[in-house]
Structures are given as structure tokens and as C-alpha cells.
Amino acid sequence: MGVAVSEQSGARGGGEERLDEQHLPQDPHARSPDPYPDHLRLEVEEYLEALRFSDEPMTAGLEEAMRYSLLAPGKRVRPVLALATARAVGLAPRSVLPLAGAIEMIHTYSLIHDDLPAMDDDDLRRGRPTCHVAYGQDVAILAGDGLYAEAFHHLLSRQESEPERVLAAAAELAGATGVSGMVGGQYADVREQAPAGPAGVRRLHELKTGRLVGASIVCVLLLAAVDGPATMALRRFAAELGVLFQIVDDILDVIGTDQALGKPRGSDERHGKRTYVSEFGIDRAKELAAESHRTAREALAQGGPPATARAELEQLTDFIYTRTS
């Protein structure tokens, strides 16, 4: 079951706040003892740092721009989700690093293109100049294109598993980021095509953000050939986690700080974007975040992996709910 939403709407709130338990409704689910599985993030960082895309001298500048954005500091939520899911279903987390790297390449491509003047026109990302500011719009567009193509090349050539499983994961990732996923959600956003009302804003963000977050989990299930009740529970969890991520993102765009976010806050409002805050108001958006966190936690517990195997997924769920950037 997803977040239950009402038809009420409200204006955006203001002020410098933190999205923590002082400002969110209390969730009865216990918090994980550690805020984030940072050991998995470090594995991802080490893997990304070692990636090279070409030894062609003529394209060295393009690779520099690609790596500039790919290696910008971040929590690496999506690839870390992939590694945590692998452990939850009995795989060694390191065994899915090629998939995790591909997911982060695609996420980075989306950020480069989002920041372009024709889209969100942002000059800062992760605390430093965006790719088009650092390298020019022409190179930034090509860097994004290159990362998207190299993501699938890397996944298909480096990920170890049965060929049909790797192809299934690649198809899922392509679907999650294409017209029926992230890019389609972006189109619906910039052209204001999402239906009116709560269901419309949820569907918009399921496509725009939720599909790639969910694919970080579902692609691992495909590589592991996991089926049965655990698959259904983890797929529900994956879908709800994407919703939770976006609700919190929308809240932070209003109450976060420029320093914590690594970019100017208020971008959604400046561009007239439909968000959970613009649709419901800040207080109701916080309530929806608590409901979504609870739903995700319940999906993980009901028919999902054993408690010891899902600990890192629980940590990630709690981090996404309480993060400040």
C-alpha cells in the first residue's frame, strides 16, 4: 500500500529548518543504530574512482568532464541500495558493483542534463559548479550522453551472472530511465502533463525519481533470480522508497540550507514545479513522508529478508527519511 493522500493543498512554507525528528511526525518504527551504511558507500567510491572510459587522446577532455560530475561528493544512495539489496538476498555486495556503477553513471547523467539552462538552469551541484558551468553546455550535454551510453556498456560487459539475468537487469534499467520512467517523468514535469490532484503528483514523481531508485533494488533481484514472496515484498519496498525519497527532496527544497543541499534551495518554486509541498503544504508533506517511511519499513518487514540480512536496507530507509541533503 502506498501513501494515502488527501485532496487538500497548501502554500509552501519558509524558514531555515532541518528535516529531522524535531520537525517530522514521530514514526513508531525503531531507528537503525547507524545512520548510513558508509562502508558500502566507500566501496562504491573506490569502484567509481577506478573507472576509465577510453584511451583515445582526442576524447580526454570529454572523459574529464564525465569524471568531474561522476566523482563529485555524494552519499551514492542508489548504488548503495544495490549493494545492500545484494546482501539482503544472499549475494556478496561487491558482486554487483558493475551494476551499481552503471546506476550511478545514469544518475549523474540525469543531474548534468537537469542542471542545463534549458532545464533547471542551476549553477551549483553537490557544492561545486555544475558541469556546464565548468566545461560549457556543449561538453556537458556530451558528458551526459557519454555516461548514459557507458553505463550500459559497463553493465553488459562487466557484470557477472547468467547472460539472461544480466540482459533482464539491463532491460529493467533502460525501462526505468526511458520514456516510461525517468525521462518520461521529466517530460511530464517540464510540459506540465501530470493530471491534477494527489494521484497525478505521485505518478509524476514515481516516473521522474521513483523508477531509478526502485531499479537499484529490482535489478539486483533479477541478477540473483530471486522469486517468491521475498520478491513481492522487496518490489513494494522499492516502489515506496522512491516515493519517500521524492517527498523528502521536495521538503528539503523548502526548508533545507544551501550549504547542506550543495545547491541553492527553492529551485522548485522558482521554476513553478509541482511538488508534494506545492500540492499539500509543508506540514502535510511532512506527514506524508512519515507515512511513506512507515509503509516502506512495513513492506521490508512483511515477507522480506530476515532482520539481520535487511539491516542495511533499514538504515538506508531511515537515512532517506531523516536526511538533510
C-alpha atoms as a PDB file:
ATOM      1  CA  MET A   1       0.000   0.000   0.000  1.00  0.00           C
ATOM      2  CA  GLY A   2       1.340   3.446  -0.855  1.00  0.00           C
ATOM      3  CA  VAL A   3       0.962   6.732   0.916  1.00  0.00           C
ATOM      4  CA  ALA A   4      -2.659   7.721   1.378  1.00  0.00           C
ATOM      5  CA  VAL A   5      -3.085  11.285   0.158  1.00  0.00           C
ATOM      6  CA  SER A   6      -5.942  13.717   0.527  1.00  0.00           C
ATOM      7  CA  GLU A   7      -7.177  16.402  -1.823  1.00  0.00           C
ATOM      8  CA  GLN A   8      -6.114  19.258   0.414  1.00  0.00           C
ATOM      9  CA  SER A   9      -3.355  21.551  -0.813  1.00  0.00           C
ATOM     10  CA  GLY A  10      -1.456  24.408   0.696  1.00  0.00           C
ATOM     11  CA  ALA A  11       1.186  27.032   0.187  1.00  0.00           C
ATOM     12  CA  ARG A  12       4.870  26.467   0.571  1.00  0.00           C
ATOM     13  CA  GLY A  13       6.372  27.090   3.967  1.00  0.00           C
ATOM     14  CA  GLY A  14       9.560  29.018   4.595  1.00  0.00           C
ATOM     15  CA  GLY A  15      12.389  29.433   7.029  1.00  0.00           C
ATOM     16  CA  GLU A  16      15.602  27.566   7.716  1.00  0.00           C
ATOM     17  CA  GLU A  17      14.672  24.206   9.212  1.00  0.00           C
ATOM     18  CA  ARG A  18      16.100  20.718   9.404  1.00  0.00           C
ATOM     19  CA  LEU A  19      14.228  17.656   8.274  1.00  0.00           C
ATOM     20  CA  ASP A  20      14.727  15.691  11.460  1.00  0.00           C
ATOM     21  CA  GLU A  21      12.604  14.260  14.216  1.00  0.00           C
ATOM     22  CA  GLN A  22      12.018  17.674  15.720  1.00  0.00           C
ATOM     23  CA  HIS A  23      10.030  18.635  12.619  1.00  0.00           C
ATOM     24  CA  LEU A  24       8.613  15.323  11.388  1.00  0.00           C
ATOM     25  CA  PRO A  25       5.738  13.350  12.923  1.00  0.00           C
ATOM     26  CA  GLN A  26       7.046  10.603  15.164  1.00  0.00           C
ATOM     27  CA  ASP A  27       7.236   7.229  13.461  1.00  0.00           C
ATOM     28  CA  PRO A  28       6.735   4.251  15.794  1.00  0.00           C
ATOM     29  CA  HIS A  29       9.324   2.175  13.920  1.00  0.00           C
ATOM     30  CA  ALA A  30      12.653   1.966  15.687  1.00  0.00           C
ATOM     31  CA  ARG A  31      15.579   3.744  14.059  1.00  0.00           C
ATOM     32  CA  SER A  32      18.612   1.788  12.913  1.00  0.00           C
ATOM     33  CA  PRO A  33      21.618   2.043  15.251  1.00  0.00           C
ATOM     34  CA  ASP A  34      23.801   3.522  12.465  1.00  0.00           C
ATOM     35  CA  PRO A  35      22.556   6.386  10.272  1.00  0.00           C
ATOM     36  CA  TYR A  36      24.068   5.152   6.998  1.00  0.00           C
ATOM     37  CA  PRO A  37      25.945   2.066   5.714  1.00  0.00           C
ATOM     38  CA  ASP A  38      29.010   4.132   4.919  1.00  0.00           C
ATOM     39  CA  HIS A  39      31.167   1.055   4.372  1.00  0.00           C
ATOM     40  CA  LEU A  40      29.111   0.351   1.243  1.00  0.00           C
ATOM     41  CA  ARG A  41      29.450   3.936   0.061  1.00  0.00           C
ATOM     42  CA  LEU A  42      33.229   3.670   0.350  1.00  0.00           C
ATOM     43  CA  GLU A  43      33.200   0.526  -1.797  1.00  0.00           C
ATOM     44  CA  VAL A  44      31.196   2.402  -4.428  1.00  0.00           C
ATOM     45  CA  GLU A  45      33.537   5.412  -4.293  1.00  0.00           C
ATOM     46  CA  GLU A  46      36.605   3.214  -4.754  1.00  0.00           C
ATOM     47  CA  TYR A  47      34.973   1.453  -7.688  1.00  0.00           C
ATOM     48  CA  LEU A  48      33.931   4.676  -9.419  1.00  0.00           C
ATOM     49  CA  GLU A  49      37.364   6.220  -8.957  1.00  0.00           C
ATOM     50  CA  ALA A  50      38.936   3.324 -10.864  1.00  0.00           C
ATOM     51  CA  LEU A  51      36.621   3.647 -13.890  1.00  0.00           C
ATOM     52  CA  ARG A  52      38.072   4.833 -17.170  1.00  0.00           C
ATOM     53  CA  PHE A  53      36.107   5.152 -20.390  1.00  0.00           C
ATOM     54  CA  SER A  54      38.610   5.483 -23.234  1.00  0.00           C
ATOM     55  CA  ASP A  55      42.296   5.710 -24.068  1.00  0.00           C
ATOM     56  CA  GLU A  56      41.586   7.902 -27.110  1.00  0.00           C
ATOM     57  CA  PRO A  57      43.607  11.151 -26.706  1.00  0.00           C
ATOM     58  CA  MET A  58      41.061  13.187 -28.669  1.00  0.00           C
ATOM     59  CA  THR A  59      38.322  12.486 -26.105  1.00  0.00           C
ATOM     60  CA  ALA A  60      40.382  13.096 -22.953  1.00  0.00           C
ATOM     61  CA  GLY A  61      38.542  16.348 -22.282  1.00  0.00           C
ATOM     62  CA  LEU A  62      35.181  14.599 -22.523  1.00  0.00           C
ATOM     63  CA  GLU A  63      36.262  11.921 -20.059  1.00  0.00           C
ATOM     64  CA  GLU A  64      37.499  14.643 -17.710  1.00  0.00           C
ATOM     65  CA  ALA A  65      34.033  16.265 -17.737  1.00  0.00           C
ATOM     66  CA  MET A  66      32.320  12.901 -17.209  1.00  0.00           C
ATOM     67  CA  ARG A  67      34.536  12.062 -14.242  1.00  0.00           C
ATOM     68  CA  TYR A  68      34.204  15.594 -12.825  1.00  0.00           C
ATOM     69  CA  SER A  69      30.490  15.045 -12.337  1.00  0.00           C
ATOM     70  CA  LEU A  70      30.602  11.317 -11.592  1.00  0.00           C
ATOM     71  CA  LEU A  71      33.118  11.716  -8.768  1.00  0.00           C
ATOM     72  CA  ALA A  72      31.504  14.765  -7.147  1.00  0.00           C
ATOM     73  CA  PRO A  73      30.931  14.092  -3.426  1.00  0.00           C
ATOM     74  CA  GLY A  74      27.649  12.405  -2.532  1.00  0.00           C
ATOM     75  CA  LYS A  75      26.009   9.678  -0.476  1.00  0.00           C
ATOM     76  CA  ARG A  76      25.621   7.365  -3.526  1.00  0.00           C
ATOM     77  CA  VAL A  77      22.167   6.295  -2.322  1.00  0.00           C
ATOM     78  CA  ARG A  78      21.204   4.375  -5.470  1.00  0.00           C
ATOM     79  CA  PRO A  79      24.345   2.246  -5.859  1.00  0.00           C
ATOM     80  CA  VAL A  80      24.489   1.676  -2.107  1.00  0.00           C
ATOM     81  CA  LEU A  81      20.898   0.435  -2.324  1.00  0.00           C
ATOM     82  CA  ALA A  82      22.034  -2.078  -4.916  1.00  0.00           C
ATOM     83  CA  LEU A  83      24.847  -3.359  -2.686  1.00  0.00           C
ATOM     84  CA  ALA A  84      22.567  -3.547   0.373  1.00  0.00           C
ATOM     85  CA  THR A  85      19.946  -5.441  -1.637  1.00  0.00           C
ATOM     86  CA  ALA A  86      22.591  -7.895  -2.791  1.00  0.00           C
ATOM     87  CA  ARG A  87      23.471  -8.713   0.806  1.00  0.00           C
ATOM     88  CA  ALA A  88      19.779  -8.992   1.696  1.00  0.00           C
ATOM     89  CA  VAL A  89      19.229 -11.683  -0.958  1.00  0.00           C
ATOM     90  CA  GLY A  90      22.420 -13.612  -0.274  1.00  0.00           C
ATOM     91  CA  LEU A  91      24.846 -12.165  -2.823  1.00  0.00           C
ATOM     92  CA  ALA A  92      28.202 -10.630  -1.998  1.00  0.00           C
ATOM     93  CA  PRO A  93      27.724  -6.846  -2.266  1.00  0.00           C
ATOM     94  CA  ARG A  94      30.912  -6.486  -4.324  1.00  0.00           C
ATOM     95  CA  SER A  95      29.469  -8.858  -6.916  1.00  0.00           C
ATOM     96  CA  VAL A  96      27.008  -6.197  -8.093  1.00  0.00           C
ATOM     97  CA  LEU A  97      29.468  -3.280  -8.245  1.00  0.00           C
ATOM     98  CA  PRO A  98      29.296  -3.151 -12.074  1.00  0.00           C
ATOM     99  CA  LEU A  99      25.522  -2.699 -11.833  1.00  0.00           C
ATOM    100  CA  ALA A 100      25.937  -0.168  -9.031  1.00  0.00           C
ATOM    101  CA  GLY A 101      28.462   1.784 -11.096  1.00  0.00           C
ATOM    102  CA  ALA A 102      26.116   1.801 -14.085  1.00  0.00           C
ATOM    103  CA  ILE A 103      23.277   3.108 -11.928  1.00  0.00           C
ATOM    104  CA  GLU A 104      25.424   5.955 -10.607  1.00  0.00           C
ATOM    105  CA  MET A 105      26.565   6.833 -14.133  1.00  0.00           C
ATOM    106  CA  ILE A 106      22.935   7.117 -15.219  1.00  0.00           C
ATOM    107  CA  HIS A 107      22.012   9.158 -12.158  1.00  0.00           C
ATOM    108  CA  THR A 108      24.938  11.504 -12.841  1.00  0.00           C
ATOM    109  CA  TYR A 109      23.911  11.893 -16.492  1.00  0.00           C
ATOM    110  CA  SER A 110      20.439  12.916 -15.318  1.00  0.00           C
ATOM    111  CA  LEU A 111      21.909  15.537 -12.965  1.00  0.00           C
ATOM    112  CA  ILE A 112      24.125  17.019 -15.684  1.00  0.00           C
ATOM    113  CA  HIS A 113      21.164  17.410 -18.031  1.00  0.00           C
ATOM    114  CA  ASP A 114      18.812  18.611 -15.255  1.00  0.00           C
ATOM    115  CA  ASP A 115      21.214  21.444 -14.455  1.00  0.00           C
ATOM    116  CA  LEU A 116      21.392  22.763 -18.028  1.00  0.00           C
ATOM    117  CA  PRO A 117      19.930  26.226 -18.761  1.00  0.00           C
ATOM    118  CA  ALA A 118      17.142  24.655 -20.859  1.00  0.00           C
ATOM    119  CA  MET A 119      16.059  22.582 -17.828  1.00  0.00           C
ATOM    120  CA  ASP A 120      16.603  23.757 -14.237  1.00  0.00           C
ATOM    121  CA  ASP A 121      19.398  26.245 -15.024  1.00  0.00           C
ATOM    122  CA  ASP A 122      21.406  25.547 -11.865  1.00  0.00           C
ATOM    123  CA  ASP A 123      24.989  26.686 -11.356  1.00  0.00           C
ATOM    124  CA  LEU A 124      25.820  24.535  -8.316  1.00  0.00           C
ATOM    125  CA  ARG A 125      25.565  20.789  -7.766  1.00  0.00           C
ATOM    126  CA  ARG A 126      26.987  18.897  -4.772  1.00  0.00           C
ATOM    127  CA  GLY A 127      28.684  22.074  -3.587  1.00  0.00           C
ATOM    128  CA  ARG A 128      30.626  22.912  -6.754  1.00  0.00           C
ATOM    129  CA  PRO A 129      29.990  24.368 -10.225  1.00  0.00           C
ATOM    130  CA  THR A 130      27.726  22.269 -12.407  1.00  0.00           C
ATOM    131  CA  CYS A 131      29.188  20.505 -15.430  1.00  0.00           C
ATOM    132  CA  HIS A 132      28.007  23.090 -17.953  1.00  0.00           C
ATOM    133  CA  VAL A 133      29.443  25.927 -15.851  1.00  0.00           C
ATOM    134  CA  ALA A 134      32.795  24.151 -15.572  1.00  0.00           C
ATOM    135  CA  TYR A 135      33.045  22.826 -19.132  1.00  0.00           C
ATOM    136  CA  GLY A 136      30.421  24.583 -21.250  1.00  0.00           C
ATOM    137  CA  GLN A 137      26.957  23.486 -22.329  1.00  0.00           C
ATOM    138  CA  ASP A 138      28.152  21.593 -25.385  1.00  0.00           C
ATOM    139  CA  VAL A 139      30.583  19.419 -23.427  1.00  0.00           C
ATOM    140  CA  ALA A 140      28.086  18.953 -20.584  1.00  0.00           C
ATOM    141  CA  ILE A 141      25.467  17.577 -22.975  1.00  0.00           C
ATOM    142  CA  LEU A 142      28.025  15.181 -24.440  1.00  0.00           C
ATOM    143  CA  ALA A 143      29.255  14.184 -20.966  1.00  0.00           C
ATOM    144  CA  GLY A 144      25.708  13.222 -20.009  1.00  0.00           C
ATOM    145  CA  ASP A 145      25.224  11.319 -23.259  1.00  0.00           C
ATOM    146  CA  GLY A 146      28.537   9.554 -22.734  1.00  0.00           C
ATOM    147  CA  LEU A 147      27.711   8.495 -19.185  1.00  0.00           C
ATOM    148  CA  TYR A 148      24.368   7.047 -20.247  1.00  0.00           C
ATOM    149  CA  ALA A 149      25.929   5.003 -23.043  1.00  0.00           C
ATOM    150  CA  GLU A 150      28.914   3.907 -20.953  1.00  0.00           C
ATOM    151  CA  ALA A 151      26.580   2.788 -18.169  1.00  0.00           C
ATOM    152  CA  PHE A 152      25.052   0.094 -20.362  1.00  0.00           C
ATOM    153  CA  HIS A 153      28.379  -0.803 -21.934  1.00  0.00           C
ATOM    154  CA  HIS A 154      29.808  -1.290 -18.448  1.00  0.00           C
ATOM    155  CA  LEU A 155      26.844  -3.295 -17.156  1.00  0.00           C
ATOM    156  CA  LEU A 156      26.718  -5.599 -20.163  1.00  0.00           C
ATOM    157  CA  SER A 157      30.468  -6.174 -20.343  1.00  0.00           C
ATOM    158  CA  ARG A 158      31.459  -6.311 -16.661  1.00  0.00           C
ATOM    159  CA  GLN A 159      28.514  -7.659 -14.638  1.00  0.00           C
ATOM    160  CA  GLU A 160      28.928 -11.358 -13.848  1.00  0.00           C
ATOM    161  CA  SER A 161      25.804 -13.514 -13.842  1.00  0.00           C
ATOM    162  CA  GLU A 162      23.910 -15.718 -16.268  1.00  0.00           C
ATOM    163  CA  PRO A 163      23.599 -13.813 -19.580  1.00  0.00           C
ATOM    164  CA  GLU A 164      19.807 -13.803 -19.455  1.00  0.00           C
ATOM    165  CA  ARG A 165      19.893 -12.309 -15.960  1.00  0.00           C
ATOM    166  CA  VAL A 166      22.271  -9.534 -16.990  1.00  0.00           C
ATOM    167  CA  LEU A 167      20.065  -8.762 -20.001  1.00  0.00           C
ATOM    168  CA  ALA A 168      16.992  -8.691 -17.761  1.00  0.00           C
ATOM    169  CA  ALA A 169      18.696  -6.235 -15.419  1.00  0.00           C
ATOM    170  CA  ALA A 170      19.771  -4.065 -18.367  1.00  0.00           C
ATOM    171  CA  ALA A 171      16.222  -4.058 -19.741  1.00  0.00           C
ATOM    172  CA  GLU A 172      14.840  -3.060 -16.330  1.00  0.00           C
ATOM    173  CA  LEU A 173      17.362  -0.234 -16.022  1.00  0.00           C
ATOM    174  CA  ALA A 174      16.613   1.019 -19.538  1.00  0.00           C
ATOM    175  CA  GLY A 175      12.881   0.937 -18.876  1.00  0.00           C
ATOM    176  CA  ALA A 176      13.291   2.743 -15.559  1.00  0.00           C
ATOM    177  CA  THR A 177      15.206   5.583 -17.208  1.00  0.00           C
ATOM    178  CA  GLY A 178      13.395   5.894 -20.542  1.00  0.00           C
ATOM    179  CA  VAL A 179      10.040   7.235 -21.695  1.00  0.00           C
ATOM    180  CA  SER A 180       8.152   5.024 -19.217  1.00  0.00           C
ATOM    181  CA  GLY A 181      10.448   6.124 -16.410  1.00  0.00           C
ATOM    182  CA  MET A 182      12.804   8.970 -15.580  1.00  0.00           C
ATOM    183  CA  VAL A 183      12.902  10.756 -18.946  1.00  0.00           C
ATOM    184  CA  GLY A 184       9.133  10.447 -19.351  1.00  0.00           C
ATOM    185  CA  GLY A 185       8.695  11.905 -15.883  1.00  0.00           C
ATOM    186  CA  GLN A 186      10.965  14.795 -16.780  1.00  0.00           C
ATOM    187  CA  TYR A 187       8.910  15.487 -19.901  1.00  0.00           C
ATOM    188  CA  ALA A 188       5.655  15.409 -17.906  1.00  0.00           C
ATOM    189  CA  ASP A 189       7.260  17.835 -15.457  1.00  0.00           C
ATOM    190  CA  VAL A 190       8.600  20.416 -17.925  1.00  0.00           C
ATOM    191  CA  ARG A 191       5.471  20.285 -20.083  1.00  0.00           C
ATOM    192  CA  GLU A 192       3.064  20.118 -17.110  1.00  0.00           C
ATOM    193  CA  GLN A 193       1.389  16.958 -18.356  1.00  0.00           C
ATOM    194  CA  ALA A 194       0.697  15.273 -14.999  1.00  0.00           C
ATOM    195  CA  PRO A 195      -3.014  15.032 -14.103  1.00  0.00           C
ATOM    196  CA  ALA A 196      -4.351  17.356 -11.439  1.00  0.00           C
ATOM    197  CA  GLY A 197      -4.697  16.128  -7.882  1.00  0.00           C
ATOM    198  CA  PRO A 198      -2.677  13.982  -5.491  1.00  0.00           C
ATOM    199  CA  ALA A 199      -2.604  10.901  -7.727  1.00  0.00           C
ATOM    200  CA  GLY A 200      -1.121  12.997 -10.521  1.00  0.00           C
ATOM    201  CA  VAL A 201       1.738  14.382  -8.447  1.00  0.00           C
ATOM    202  CA  ARG A 202       2.514  10.924  -7.078  1.00  0.00           C
ATOM    203  CA  ARG A 203       2.570   9.404 -10.570  1.00  0.00           C
ATOM    204  CA  LEU A 204       4.775  12.226 -11.852  1.00  0.00           C
ATOM    205  CA  HIS A 205       7.401  11.526  -9.225  1.00  0.00           C
ATOM    206  CA  GLU A 206       7.095   7.758  -9.482  1.00  0.00           C
ATOM    207  CA  LEU A 207       8.361   8.165 -13.030  1.00  0.00           C
ATOM    208  CA  LYS A 208      10.765  11.069 -12.562  1.00  0.00           C
ATOM    209  CA  THR A 209      12.546   9.789  -9.443  1.00  0.00           C
ATOM    210  CA  GLY A 210      10.991   6.586  -8.168  1.00  0.00           C
ATOM    211  CA  ARG A 211      11.715   4.296 -11.108  1.00  0.00           C
ATOM    212  CA  LEU A 212      15.506   4.652 -10.896  1.00  0.00           C
ATOM    213  CA  VAL A 213      15.505   4.309  -7.107  1.00  0.00           C
ATOM    214  CA  GLY A 214      13.356   1.196  -7.476  1.00  0.00           C
ATOM    215  CA  ALA A 215      15.560  -0.206 -10.249  1.00  0.00           C
ATOM    216  CA  SER A 216      18.503  -0.077  -7.854  1.00  0.00           C
ATOM    217  CA  ILE A 217      16.723  -2.855  -5.963  1.00  0.00           C
ATOM    218  CA  VAL A 218      14.832  -4.681  -8.719  1.00  0.00           C
ATOM    219  CA  CYS A 219      17.891  -5.093 -10.968  1.00  0.00           C
ATOM    220  CA  VAL A 220      19.653  -6.950  -8.145  1.00  0.00           C
ATOM    221  CA  LEU A 221      16.653  -9.251  -7.732  1.00  0.00           C
ATOM    222  CA  LEU A 222      16.873 -10.033 -11.445  1.00  0.00           C
ATOM    223  CA  LEU A 223      20.608 -10.759 -11.245  1.00  0.00           C
ATOM    224  CA  ALA A 224      20.014 -13.047  -8.261  1.00  0.00           C
ATOM    225  CA  ALA A 225      16.985 -14.738  -9.886  1.00  0.00           C
ATOM    226  CA  VAL A 226      15.058 -14.231  -6.653  1.00  0.00           C
ATOM    227  CA  ASP A 227      11.373 -15.096  -6.813  1.00  0.00           C
ATOM    228  CA  GLY A 228       8.501 -15.811  -4.443  1.00  0.00           C
ATOM    229  CA  PRO A 229       7.240 -13.708  -1.504  1.00  0.00           C
ATOM    230  CA  ALA A 230      10.609 -12.020  -0.931  1.00  0.00           C
ATOM    231  CA  THR A 231      10.482 -10.569  -4.426  1.00  0.00           C
ATOM    232  CA  MET A 232       6.995  -9.125  -3.939  1.00  0.00           C
ATOM    233  CA  ALA A 233       7.904  -7.577  -0.593  1.00  0.00           C
ATOM    234  CA  LEU A 234      11.122  -6.058  -1.920  1.00  0.00           C
ATOM    235  CA  ARG A 235       9.378  -4.738  -5.042  1.00  0.00           C
ATOM    236  CA  ARG A 236       6.783  -2.996  -2.836  1.00  0.00           C
ATOM    237  CA  PHE A 237       9.609  -1.652  -0.730  1.00  0.00           C
ATOM    238  CA  ALA A 238      11.450  -0.417  -3.825  1.00  0.00           C
ATOM    239  CA  ALA A 239       8.383   1.425  -5.149  1.00  0.00           C
ATOM    240  CA  GLU A 240       7.647   3.108  -1.823  1.00  0.00           C
ATOM    241  CA  LEU A 241      11.262   4.080  -1.211  1.00  0.00           C
ATOM    242  CA  GLY A 242      11.252   6.059  -4.446  1.00  0.00           C
ATOM    243  CA  VAL A 243       8.166   7.950  -3.275  1.00  0.00           C
ATOM    244  CA  LEU A 244       9.733   8.636   0.120  1.00  0.00           C
ATOM    245  CA  PHE A 245      12.913   9.941  -1.499  1.00  0.00           C
ATOM    246  CA  GLN A 246      10.960  12.449  -3.592  1.00  0.00           C
ATOM    247  CA  ILE A 247       8.736  13.694  -0.770  1.00  0.00           C
ATOM    248  CA  VAL A 248      11.791  14.411   1.363  1.00  0.00           C
ATOM    249  CA  ASP A 249      13.535  16.024  -1.619  1.00  0.00           C
ATOM    250  CA  ASP A 250      10.579  18.372  -2.062  1.00  0.00           C
ATOM    251  CA  ILE A 251      10.566  19.275   1.632  1.00  0.00           C
ATOM    252  CA  LEU A 252      14.299  19.949   1.679  1.00  0.00           C
ATOM    253  CA  ASP A 253      13.979  22.277  -1.296  1.00  0.00           C
ATOM    254  CA  VAL A 254      11.914  24.494   1.023  1.00  0.00           C
ATOM    255  CA  ILE A 255      13.423  24.051   4.491  1.00  0.00           C
ATOM    256  CA  GLY A 256      16.985  22.926   3.732  1.00  0.00           C
ATOM    257  CA  THR A 257      20.054  25.117   3.638  1.00  0.00           C
ATOM    258  CA  ASP A 258      22.189  25.911   0.602  1.00  0.00           C
ATOM    259  CA  GLN A 259      25.233  24.528   2.393  1.00  0.00           C
ATOM    260  CA  ALA A 260      23.610  21.207   3.273  1.00  0.00           C
ATOM    261  CA  LEU A 261      21.967  20.779  -0.127  1.00  0.00           C
ATOM    262  CA  GLY A 262      25.077  21.746  -2.091  1.00  0.00           C
ATOM    263  CA  LYS A 263      22.904  23.941  -4.322  1.00  0.00           C
ATOM    264  CA  PRO A 264      20.515  26.892  -3.888  1.00  0.00           C
ATOM    265  CA  ARG A 265      17.267  25.894  -2.191  1.00  0.00           C
ATOM    266  CA  GLY A 266      13.929  26.987  -3.615  1.00  0.00           C
ATOM    267  CA  SER A 267      14.688  25.814  -7.155  1.00  0.00           C
ATOM    268  CA  ASP A 268      11.326  24.026  -7.440  1.00  0.00           C
ATOM    269  CA  GLU A 269       9.372  27.126  -6.503  1.00  0.00           C
ATOM    270  CA  ARG A 270      11.383  29.368  -8.834  1.00  0.00           C
ATOM    271  CA  HIS A 271      10.593  27.061 -11.730  1.00  0.00           C
ATOM    272  CA  GLY A 272       6.951  26.524 -10.782  1.00  0.00           C
ATOM    273  CA  LYS A 273       7.439  22.762 -10.316  1.00  0.00           C
ATOM    274  CA  ARG A 274       4.684  20.543  -8.957  1.00  0.00           C
ATOM    275  CA  THR A 275       5.902  19.025  -5.723  1.00  0.00           C
ATOM    276  CA  TYR A 276       4.448  17.421  -2.645  1.00  0.00           C
ATOM    277  CA  VAL A 277       4.914  20.755  -0.860  1.00  0.00           C
ATOM    278  CA  SER A 278       3.172  22.810  -3.551  1.00  0.00           C
ATOM    279  CA  GLU A 279       0.367  20.242  -3.657  1.00  0.00           C
ATOM    280  CA  PHE A 280      -0.189  19.673   0.086  1.00  0.00           C
ATOM    281  CA  GLY A 281       1.697  22.337   2.023  1.00  0.00           C
ATOM    282  CA  ILE A 282       4.770  21.782   4.168  1.00  0.00           C
ATOM    283  CA  ASP A 283       3.026  20.262   7.205  1.00  0.00           C
ATOM    284  CA  ARG A 284       1.050  17.703   5.234  1.00  0.00           C
ATOM    285  CA  ALA A 285       4.128  16.858   3.160  1.00  0.00           C
ATOM    286  CA  LYS A 286       5.968  16.014   6.385  1.00  0.00           C
ATOM    287  CA  GLU A 287       3.071  13.779   7.425  1.00  0.00           C
ATOM    288  CA  LEU A 288       3.182  12.046   4.035  1.00  0.00           C
ATOM    289  CA  ALA A 289       6.911  11.482   4.460  1.00  0.00           C
ATOM    290  CA  ALA A 290       6.258   9.772   7.803  1.00  0.00           C
ATOM    291  CA  GLU A 291       3.517   7.625   6.255  1.00  0.00           C
ATOM    292  CA  SER A 292       5.736   6.666   3.331  1.00  0.00           C
ATOM    293  CA  HIS A 293       8.622   5.781   5.662  1.00  0.00           C
ATOM    294  CA  ARG A 294       6.296   3.579   7.689  1.00  0.00           C
ATOM    295  CA  THR A 295       4.935   1.887   4.556  1.00  0.00           C
ATOM    296  CA  ALA A 296       8.439   1.198   3.239  1.00  0.00           C
ATOM    297  CA  ARG A 297       9.536  -0.242   6.584  1.00  0.00           C
ATOM    298  CA  GLU A 298       6.456  -2.462   6.767  1.00  0.00           C
ATOM    299  CA  ALA A 299       6.982  -3.755   3.226  1.00  0.00           C
ATOM    300  CA  LEU A 300      10.552  -4.659   4.122  1.00  0.00           C
ATOM    301  CA  ALA A 301       9.474  -6.483   7.272  1.00  0.00           C
ATOM    302  CA  GLN A 302       6.473  -8.340   5.826  1.00  0.00           C
ATOM    303  CA  GLY A 303       7.763 -11.195   3.739  1.00  0.00           C
ATOM    304  CA  GLY A 304      11.140  -9.615   3.081  1.00  0.00           C
ATOM    305  CA  PRO A 305      14.623 -10.831   4.035  1.00  0.00           C
ATOM    306  CA  PRO A 306      15.466 -11.846   7.619  1.00  0.00           C
ATOM    307  CA  ALA A 307      16.181  -8.994  10.029  1.00  0.00           C
ATOM    308  CA  THR A 308      19.946  -9.495  10.003  1.00  0.00           C
ATOM    309  CA  ALA A 309      20.061  -9.508   6.194  1.00  0.00           C
ATOM    310  CA  ARG A 310      17.944  -6.383   5.785  1.00  0.00           C
ATOM    311  CA  ALA A 311      19.727  -4.202   8.357  1.00  0.00           C
ATOM    312  CA  GLU A 312      21.465  -2.063   5.738  1.00  0.00           C
ATOM    313  CA  LEU A 313      18.225  -1.562   3.816  1.00  0.00           C
ATOM    314  CA  GLU A 314      16.605  -0.385   7.045  1.00  0.00           C
ATOM    315  CA  GLN A 315      19.475   2.028   7.616  1.00  0.00           C
ATOM    316  CA  LEU A 316      19.027   3.429   4.127  1.00  0.00           C
ATOM    317  CA  THR A 317      15.286   3.815   4.596  1.00  0.00           C
ATOM    318  CA  ASP A 318      15.797   5.749   7.810  1.00  0.00           C
ATOM    319  CA  PHE A 319      18.532   7.864   6.252  1.00  0.00           C
ATOM    320  CA  ILE A 320      16.338   8.814   3.291  1.00  0.00           C
ATOM    321  CA  TYR A 321      13.571   9.817   5.718  1.00  0.00           C
ATOM    322  CA  THR A 322      15.743  11.945   8.017  1.00  0.00           C
ATOM    323  CA  ARG A 323      18.400  13.259   5.630  1.00  0.00           C
ATOM    324  CA  THR A 324      19.159  16.969   5.395  1.00  0.00           C
ATOM    325  CA  SER A 325      20.735  16.998   1.929  1.00  0.00           C
END
